[in-house]
N, C-alpha and C. Protein backbone atom coordinates (compact mmCIF):
# COMPACT_ATOMS: atom_id res chain seq x y z
N MET A 1 -1.64 1.66 -11.59
CA MET A 1 -1.62 0.98 -12.77
C MET A 1 -2.28 -0.35 -12.48
N LEU A 2 -3.37 -0.91 -12.94
CA LEU A 2 -3.77 -2.23 -12.49
C LEU A 2 -3.64 -3.12 -13.88
N TYR A 3 -3.12 -4.17 -13.29
CA TYR A 3 -2.99 -5.48 -14.32
C TYR A 3 -3.78 -6.48 -13.71
N SER A 4 -4.71 -6.91 -14.11
CA SER A 4 -5.63 -7.85 -13.61
C SER A 4 -5.49 -8.11 -12.16
N THR A 5 -4.44 -8.93 -11.75
CA THR A 5 -4.45 -9.10 -10.30
C THR A 5 -3.28 -8.68 -9.79
N TYR A 6 -3.23 -7.40 -10.22
CA TYR A 6 -1.49 -6.65 -9.79
C TYR A 6 -1.65 -5.14 -9.69
N THR A 7 -1.75 -4.40 -8.67
CA THR A 7 -1.81 -3.05 -8.61
C THR A 7 -0.36 -2.85 -8.23
N SER A 8 0.07 -1.63 -9.04
CA SER A 8 1.38 -1.06 -8.76
C SER A 8 1.21 0.37 -8.12
N VAL A 9 1.65 0.66 -7.16
CA VAL A 9 1.49 2.00 -6.52
C VAL A 9 2.96 2.35 -6.27
N TRP A 10 3.47 3.69 -6.66
CA TRP A 10 4.94 4.05 -6.63
C TRP A 10 4.78 5.41 -5.36
N CYS A 11 5.36 5.14 -4.55
CA CYS A 11 5.17 6.00 -3.25
C CYS A 11 6.68 6.42 -2.76
N ASN A 12 7.09 7.34 -3.24
CA ASN A 12 8.57 7.84 -2.67
C ASN A 12 8.45 9.32 -2.49
N ASP A 13 9.74 9.73 -2.21
CA ASP A 13 9.74 11.25 -2.24
C ASP A 13 11.07 11.95 -3.19
N GLY A 14 10.64 11.48 -4.68
CA GLY A 14 11.46 12.01 -5.51
C GLY A 14 11.73 11.23 -6.75
N GLY A 15 11.33 9.90 -6.72
CA GLY A 15 11.33 8.78 -7.64
C GLY A 15 10.24 8.82 -8.80
N GLN A 16 10.28 7.66 -9.32
CA GLN A 16 9.23 7.60 -10.60
C GLN A 16 7.95 7.25 -9.60
N ASN A 17 6.76 7.94 -10.39
CA ASN A 17 5.59 7.18 -9.51
C ASN A 17 4.46 7.22 -10.73
N GLU A 18 3.30 6.79 -10.39
CA GLU A 18 2.32 6.39 -11.30
C GLU A 18 1.04 7.14 -10.23
N PRO A 19 0.55 8.18 -10.67
CA PRO A 19 -0.25 9.07 -9.86
C PRO A 19 -1.98 8.51 -10.37
N GLY A 20 -2.68 8.65 -9.61
CA GLY A 20 -4.24 8.19 -9.67
C GLY A 20 -4.67 7.63 -8.29
N ILE A 21 -5.69 7.21 -8.34
CA ILE A 21 -6.58 6.81 -7.19
C ILE A 21 -6.44 5.41 -7.23
N HIS A 22 -5.95 4.60 -6.43
CA HIS A 22 -5.96 3.20 -6.24
C HIS A 22 -6.79 2.87 -4.95
N GLU A 23 -7.92 2.05 -5.45
CA GLU A 23 -8.87 1.70 -4.00
C GLU A 23 -8.55 0.79 -3.59
N HIS A 24 -8.68 0.24 -2.50
CA HIS A 24 -8.45 -1.03 -1.45
C HIS A 24 -9.77 -1.00 -0.68
N PRO A 25 -10.74 -2.14 -1.12
CA PRO A 25 -11.61 -2.36 -0.70
C PRO A 25 -11.35 -3.21 0.72
N CYS A 26 -11.93 -3.14 1.85
CA CYS A 26 -11.40 -3.87 3.09
C CYS A 26 -12.63 -3.90 4.16
N GLY A 27 -12.42 -4.73 5.04
CA GLY A 27 -13.35 -4.73 6.03
C GLY A 27 -13.25 -4.02 7.26
N ALA A 28 -11.88 -3.59 7.31
CA ALA A 28 -11.22 -2.77 8.58
C ALA A 28 -10.50 -1.61 8.19
N VAL A 29 -11.50 -0.54 7.73
CA VAL A 29 -11.08 0.65 7.11
C VAL A 29 -10.46 1.61 7.88
N GLU A 30 -10.41 1.96 9.15
CA GLU A 30 -9.65 2.62 9.96
C GLU A 30 -8.59 1.96 10.27
N GLN A 31 -8.50 0.88 10.57
CA GLN A 31 -7.16 0.22 11.00
C GLN A 31 -6.41 -0.12 9.76
N THR A 32 -6.96 -0.24 8.31
CA THR A 32 -6.18 -0.30 7.47
C THR A 32 -5.49 1.08 6.77
N ALA A 33 -6.22 2.03 7.09
CA ALA A 33 -5.89 3.54 6.44
C ALA A 33 -4.52 3.87 7.87
N GLN A 34 -4.88 3.73 8.92
CA GLN A 34 -3.83 4.05 9.86
C GLN A 34 -2.35 3.21 9.76
N PHE A 35 -2.71 1.86 9.25
CA PHE A 35 -1.30 1.26 8.80
C PHE A 35 -0.38 1.69 7.61
N TYR A 36 -1.35 2.14 6.79
CA TYR A 36 -0.42 3.07 5.54
C TYR A 36 -0.11 4.29 5.88
N GLN A 37 -0.96 4.97 6.69
CA GLN A 37 -0.29 6.50 7.31
C GLN A 37 0.93 6.31 8.15
N ASP A 38 0.89 5.02 9.03
CA ASP A 38 1.97 4.91 9.99
C ASP A 38 3.21 4.33 9.12
N LEU A 39 2.98 3.42 8.31
CA LEU A 39 4.02 2.54 7.60
C LEU A 39 4.81 3.74 6.55
N LEU A 40 4.01 4.20 5.61
CA LEU A 40 4.41 5.06 4.40
C LEU A 40 4.33 6.70 4.90
N GLY A 41 3.82 7.03 5.66
CA GLY A 41 3.63 8.61 5.95
C GLY A 41 2.70 9.20 4.97
N LEU A 42 1.93 8.35 4.93
CA LEU A 42 0.69 9.06 4.04
C LEU A 42 -0.16 9.97 4.94
N ARG A 43 -0.72 10.85 4.38
CA ARG A 43 -1.60 11.52 5.23
C ARG A 43 -3.33 11.69 4.85
N ARG A 44 -3.89 11.63 5.49
CA ARG A 44 -5.60 11.60 5.50
C ARG A 44 -6.16 12.73 4.84
N ALA A 45 -6.39 12.64 3.51
CA ALA A 45 -6.86 13.88 2.78
C ALA A 45 -8.21 14.01 3.09
N ARG A 46 -9.16 12.77 3.04
CA ARG A 46 -10.45 13.04 3.38
C ARG A 46 -10.91 11.46 4.21
N ASP A 47 -11.98 11.82 4.87
CA ASP A 47 -12.35 10.60 5.95
C ASP A 47 -14.02 10.91 5.83
N PHE A 48 -14.44 9.91 5.44
CA PHE A 48 -16.00 9.79 5.27
C PHE A 48 -16.35 8.48 6.23
N GLY A 49 -15.72 7.77 7.01
CA GLY A 49 -15.85 6.90 7.99
C GLY A 49 -15.79 5.48 6.90
N TRP A 50 -16.55 5.44 6.03
CA TRP A 50 -16.67 4.25 5.18
C TRP A 50 -15.48 4.22 4.16
N PHE A 51 -14.99 5.44 3.85
CA PHE A 51 -14.19 5.70 2.85
C PHE A 51 -13.06 7.05 3.06
N ILE A 52 -11.82 6.06 3.16
CA ILE A 52 -10.60 7.16 3.88
C ILE A 52 -9.81 7.31 2.44
N LEU A 53 -9.34 8.47 2.09
CA LEU A 53 -8.81 8.94 0.98
C LEU A 53 -7.14 9.36 1.47
N LEU A 54 -5.98 8.80 1.43
CA LEU A 54 -4.75 8.96 1.78
C LEU A 54 -4.20 9.40 0.70
N ALA A 55 -3.09 10.29 0.85
CA ALA A 55 -2.24 11.27 -0.08
C ALA A 55 -0.88 11.31 0.44
N ASP A 56 -0.23 11.52 -0.57
CA ASP A 56 1.28 11.71 -0.41
C ASP A 56 1.80 13.21 -1.08
N ASP A 57 2.13 14.13 -0.06
CA ASP A 57 2.37 15.44 -0.78
C ASP A 57 3.51 15.47 -1.92
N ALA A 58 4.36 14.62 -1.79
CA ALA A 58 5.42 14.53 -2.59
C ALA A 58 4.97 13.70 -3.91
N LEU A 59 3.87 13.24 -4.22
CA LEU A 59 3.08 12.77 -5.47
C LEU A 59 2.01 13.24 -5.79
N PRO A 60 1.88 14.55 -6.24
CA PRO A 60 0.61 15.05 -6.27
C PRO A 60 -0.25 14.36 -7.50
N GLY A 61 -1.36 14.07 -7.21
CA GLY A 61 -2.37 13.08 -8.08
C GLY A 61 -2.44 11.82 -7.54
N PHE A 62 -1.70 11.29 -6.50
CA PHE A 62 -1.37 10.10 -5.94
C PHE A 62 -2.78 9.65 -4.95
N GLU A 63 -3.30 9.03 -4.73
CA GLU A 63 -4.53 8.80 -3.69
C GLU A 63 -4.61 7.20 -3.69
N LEU A 64 -4.67 6.73 -2.37
CA LEU A 64 -4.95 5.48 -1.76
C LEU A 64 -6.16 5.64 -1.29
N GLY A 65 -7.26 5.18 -1.66
CA GLY A 65 -8.55 5.26 -1.06
C GLY A 65 -8.68 3.72 -0.44
N ILE A 66 -9.19 3.85 0.97
CA ILE A 66 -9.53 2.72 1.68
C ILE A 66 -11.12 2.65 1.57
N LEU A 67 -11.65 1.73 1.11
CA LEU A 67 -13.24 1.35 1.02
C LEU A 67 -13.73 0.34 1.87
N ASP A 68 -14.71 0.71 2.55
CA ASP A 68 -15.47 -0.33 3.39
C ASP A 68 -16.07 -1.39 2.25
N LYS A 69 -15.58 -2.55 2.11
CA LYS A 69 -16.05 -3.60 1.47
C LYS A 69 -17.47 -3.76 1.31
N ASP A 70 -18.16 -3.47 2.51
CA ASP A 70 -19.68 -3.69 2.67
C ASP A 70 -20.67 -2.48 2.62
N HIS A 71 -19.91 -1.28 2.08
CA HIS A 71 -20.79 -0.29 1.76
C HIS A 71 -21.58 -0.56 0.61
N GLU A 72 -22.80 0.02 0.87
CA GLU A 72 -23.91 -0.02 -0.25
C GLU A 72 -23.15 0.42 -1.71
N ILE A 73 -22.18 1.09 -1.98
CA ILE A 73 -21.79 1.26 -3.17
C ILE A 73 -20.79 0.32 -3.87
N VAL A 74 -20.55 -0.65 -2.97
CA VAL A 74 -19.86 -1.79 -3.59
C VAL A 74 -20.87 -2.85 -3.82
N PRO A 75 -20.75 -3.10 -5.12
CA PRO A 75 -21.60 -4.15 -5.74
C PRO A 75 -21.27 -5.77 -4.39
N LYS A 76 -22.68 -6.31 -4.18
CA LYS A 76 -22.56 -7.24 -3.39
C LYS A 76 -21.54 -8.34 -3.90
N THR A 77 -21.32 -8.45 -5.01
CA THR A 77 -20.17 -9.64 -5.56
C THR A 77 -19.07 -9.42 -5.28
N GLY A 78 -18.77 -7.76 -4.96
CA GLY A 78 -17.44 -7.55 -4.81
C GLY A 78 -17.11 -7.30 -3.44
N ALA A 79 -18.01 -7.81 -2.70
CA ALA A 79 -17.82 -7.68 -0.98
C ALA A 79 -17.21 -8.90 -0.54
N GLN A 80 -17.15 -9.97 -1.28
CA GLN A 80 -16.29 -10.89 -0.75
C GLN A 80 -14.90 -10.74 -0.60
N ALA A 81 -14.13 -11.74 -0.25
CA ALA A 81 -12.71 -11.27 0.09
C ALA A 81 -12.14 -11.32 -1.19
N PHE A 82 -11.22 -10.15 -1.11
CA PHE A 82 -10.38 -10.15 -2.31
C PHE A 82 -8.84 -11.10 -2.19
N SER A 83 -8.73 -11.52 -3.13
CA SER A 83 -7.51 -12.15 -3.25
C SER A 83 -6.68 -11.85 -4.73
N GLY A 84 -5.31 -12.13 -4.93
CA GLY A 84 -4.75 -12.07 -5.98
C GLY A 84 -4.29 -10.75 -6.27
N VAL A 85 -4.39 -9.71 -5.12
CA VAL A 85 -3.79 -8.38 -5.18
C VAL A 85 -2.63 -7.97 -4.40
N LEU A 86 -1.74 -7.44 -5.19
CA LEU A 86 -0.37 -7.06 -4.62
C LEU A 86 -0.17 -5.46 -4.81
N LEU A 87 -0.23 -4.83 -3.41
CA LEU A 87 0.07 -3.51 -3.63
C LEU A 87 1.67 -3.29 -3.39
N THR A 88 2.08 -2.46 -4.34
CA THR A 88 3.51 -2.39 -4.33
C THR A 88 3.72 -0.74 -4.15
N PHE A 89 4.59 -0.40 -3.33
CA PHE A 89 5.18 0.73 -3.06
C PHE A 89 6.50 0.70 -2.98
N VAL A 90 6.96 1.93 -3.65
CA VAL A 90 8.63 2.12 -4.08
C VAL A 90 8.80 3.08 -3.12
N VAL A 91 9.79 2.88 -2.08
CA VAL A 91 10.25 3.90 -1.11
C VAL A 91 11.84 4.18 -1.38
N THR A 92 12.22 5.15 -0.31
CA THR A 92 13.78 5.38 -0.51
C THR A 92 14.36 4.54 0.33
N ASP A 93 14.18 4.00 1.31
CA ASP A 93 14.77 3.20 2.54
C ASP A 93 14.11 1.98 2.80
N VAL A 94 13.94 0.82 2.22
CA VAL A 94 13.71 -0.25 2.43
C VAL A 94 13.77 -0.89 4.00
N GLU A 95 15.03 -0.52 4.49
CA GLU A 95 15.20 -1.13 5.79
C GLU A 95 14.60 -0.14 6.83
N ALA A 96 14.75 0.94 6.70
CA ALA A 96 14.01 1.66 7.57
C ALA A 96 12.34 1.52 7.55
N THR A 97 11.78 1.30 6.50
CA THR A 97 10.23 0.88 6.12
C THR A 97 10.03 -0.34 6.94
N PHE A 98 10.98 -1.56 6.81
CA PHE A 98 10.73 -2.90 7.25
C PHE A 98 10.82 -2.60 8.59
N ARG A 99 11.71 -2.00 9.40
CA ARG A 99 11.76 -1.86 10.78
C ARG A 99 10.48 -1.21 11.30
N GLN A 100 9.74 -0.17 10.44
CA GLN A 100 8.57 0.26 10.67
C GLN A 100 7.50 -0.58 10.74
N ALA A 101 7.56 -1.41 9.62
CA ALA A 101 6.46 -2.48 9.67
C ALA A 101 6.56 -3.81 10.87
N VAL A 102 7.79 -3.86 11.13
CA VAL A 102 7.83 -4.86 12.24
C VAL A 102 7.37 -4.17 13.52
N ALA A 103 7.70 -2.98 13.74
CA ALA A 103 7.10 -1.99 14.93
C ALA A 103 5.59 -2.11 14.97
N LEU A 104 4.92 -2.13 13.86
CA LEU A 104 3.38 -1.88 13.55
C LEU A 104 2.54 -3.34 13.91
N GLY A 105 3.66 -4.33 13.83
CA GLY A 105 3.27 -5.56 14.14
C GLY A 105 2.60 -6.41 12.87
N ALA A 106 3.04 -5.79 11.87
CA ALA A 106 2.43 -6.50 10.60
C ALA A 106 3.16 -7.71 10.42
N GLU A 107 2.35 -8.78 9.75
CA GLU A 107 2.77 -10.00 9.49
C GLU A 107 3.88 -10.03 8.43
N VAL A 108 5.07 -10.61 8.48
CA VAL A 108 6.01 -10.41 7.45
C VAL A 108 5.88 -11.52 6.92
N VAL A 109 5.88 -11.32 5.39
CA VAL A 109 5.87 -12.51 4.58
C VAL A 109 6.96 -13.15 4.06
N GLU A 110 7.91 -12.11 3.83
CA GLU A 110 9.23 -11.91 3.33
C GLU A 110 9.84 -10.92 3.80
N SER A 111 11.32 -11.17 4.16
CA SER A 111 12.21 -10.19 4.77
C SER A 111 12.87 -9.62 3.65
N PRO A 112 13.59 -8.43 3.98
CA PRO A 112 14.17 -7.65 2.74
C PRO A 112 15.14 -8.48 2.06
N ARG A 113 15.40 -8.37 0.80
CA ARG A 113 16.33 -9.19 0.17
C ARG A 113 16.59 -8.60 -1.27
N ASP A 114 17.63 -8.79 -2.15
CA ASP A 114 18.03 -8.17 -3.18
C ASP A 114 17.24 -8.86 -4.28
N MET A 115 16.36 -8.37 -5.29
CA MET A 115 16.13 -9.25 -6.38
C MET A 115 16.71 -9.15 -7.42
N PRO A 116 16.40 -10.09 -8.41
CA PRO A 116 17.37 -9.82 -9.45
C PRO A 116 17.10 -8.94 -10.64
N TYR A 117 15.98 -8.24 -10.41
CA TYR A 117 15.51 -7.16 -11.31
C TYR A 117 16.05 -5.56 -10.65
N GLY A 118 16.84 -5.49 -9.99
CA GLY A 118 17.68 -4.54 -9.25
C GLY A 118 17.05 -3.74 -8.21
N GLN A 119 15.93 -4.48 -7.38
CA GLN A 119 15.40 -3.86 -6.48
C GLN A 119 15.79 -4.52 -4.96
N ARG A 120 15.60 -4.09 -4.13
CA ARG A 120 15.44 -4.54 -2.94
C ARG A 120 14.05 -4.66 -2.14
N ARG A 121 13.42 -5.58 -1.82
CA ARG A 121 12.01 -5.58 -1.24
C ARG A 121 11.81 -6.60 -0.09
N PHE A 122 10.75 -6.14 0.68
CA PHE A 122 10.13 -6.94 1.50
C PHE A 122 8.66 -7.10 1.27
N ILE A 123 8.14 -7.95 1.81
CA ILE A 123 6.34 -7.91 1.61
C ILE A 123 5.95 -8.48 3.20
N VAL A 124 4.78 -7.86 3.27
CA VAL A 124 4.14 -7.86 4.58
C VAL A 124 2.67 -7.88 4.20
N ARG A 125 1.90 -8.08 5.01
CA ARG A 125 0.25 -8.25 4.98
C ARG A 125 -0.03 -7.01 5.89
N ASP A 126 -1.08 -6.25 5.21
CA ASP A 126 -1.83 -5.23 5.79
C ASP A 126 -2.73 -5.41 6.86
N PRO A 127 -3.53 -4.89 7.80
CA PRO A 127 -4.47 -5.42 8.45
C PRO A 127 -5.64 -6.07 7.75
N ALA A 128 -5.96 -5.69 6.44
CA ALA A 128 -7.01 -6.43 5.64
C ALA A 128 -6.56 -7.61 5.17
N GLY A 129 -5.38 -8.11 5.33
CA GLY A 129 -4.66 -9.28 4.75
C GLY A 129 -3.99 -9.23 3.42
N THR A 130 -4.07 -8.22 2.99
CA THR A 130 -3.53 -7.79 1.59
C THR A 130 -2.13 -7.75 1.52
N LEU A 131 -1.64 -8.25 0.59
CA LEU A 131 0.01 -8.51 0.47
C LEU A 131 0.56 -7.09 0.05
N VAL A 132 1.44 -6.51 0.76
CA VAL A 132 1.97 -5.24 0.47
C VAL A 132 3.71 -5.46 0.01
N ASP A 133 4.02 -5.05 -1.17
CA ASP A 133 5.56 -5.49 -1.29
C ASP A 133 6.01 -3.84 -1.35
N VAL A 134 6.91 -3.68 -0.59
CA VAL A 134 7.64 -2.39 -0.24
C VAL A 134 9.22 -2.33 -0.92
N SER A 135 9.51 -1.84 -2.02
CA SER A 135 10.68 -2.03 -2.86
C SER A 135 11.19 -0.86 -2.70
N ALA A 136 12.55 -0.76 -3.07
CA ALA A 136 13.60 0.54 -3.55
C ALA A 136 14.54 0.12 -4.69
N PRO A 137 14.63 1.00 -5.45
CA PRO A 137 15.89 0.45 -6.63
C PRO A 137 17.24 0.20 -5.74
N ILE A 138 18.13 -0.84 -5.99
CA ILE A 138 19.44 -0.98 -5.54
C ILE A 138 20.34 -0.24 -6.10
N ARG A 139 20.91 0.64 -5.10
CA ARG A 139 21.82 1.56 -5.46
C ARG A 139 23.47 1.10 -6.03
N PRO A 140 23.88 1.22 -7.10
CA PRO A 140 25.12 0.73 -7.48
C PRO A 140 25.99 1.24 -6.72
N ASP A 141 26.99 0.26 -6.22
CA ASP A 141 28.15 0.60 -5.29
C ASP A 141 29.28 1.53 -6.26
């Protein structure tokens, strides 16, 4: 789901999701794809070198495309640095995913904390510099 400067990507093993292809143009295709594979357990569905398609078997129809921003199919005006994008992934265990992000060396923008809208989240930057919000619903006690 795209909201002008916000892309919401739900990725979990049994909760809500918004299937569809979400493309992430960047300059470090391999490194960025590997980051999402290692952080979220996404699998590489297709690899064309300049475009890597990641999928989650638990979410049929969900695909995250990591696209070389300098490839000929990307308009030259689109090859400049992207900003104002926040990719959000909903997972079942924020703390475990945060530990994985730290182990991967991701830049931590915000450590896990409870949000007033009923989720616990953290924010990191992926290798391309894109903000990645990883959230989970807070379970009532």
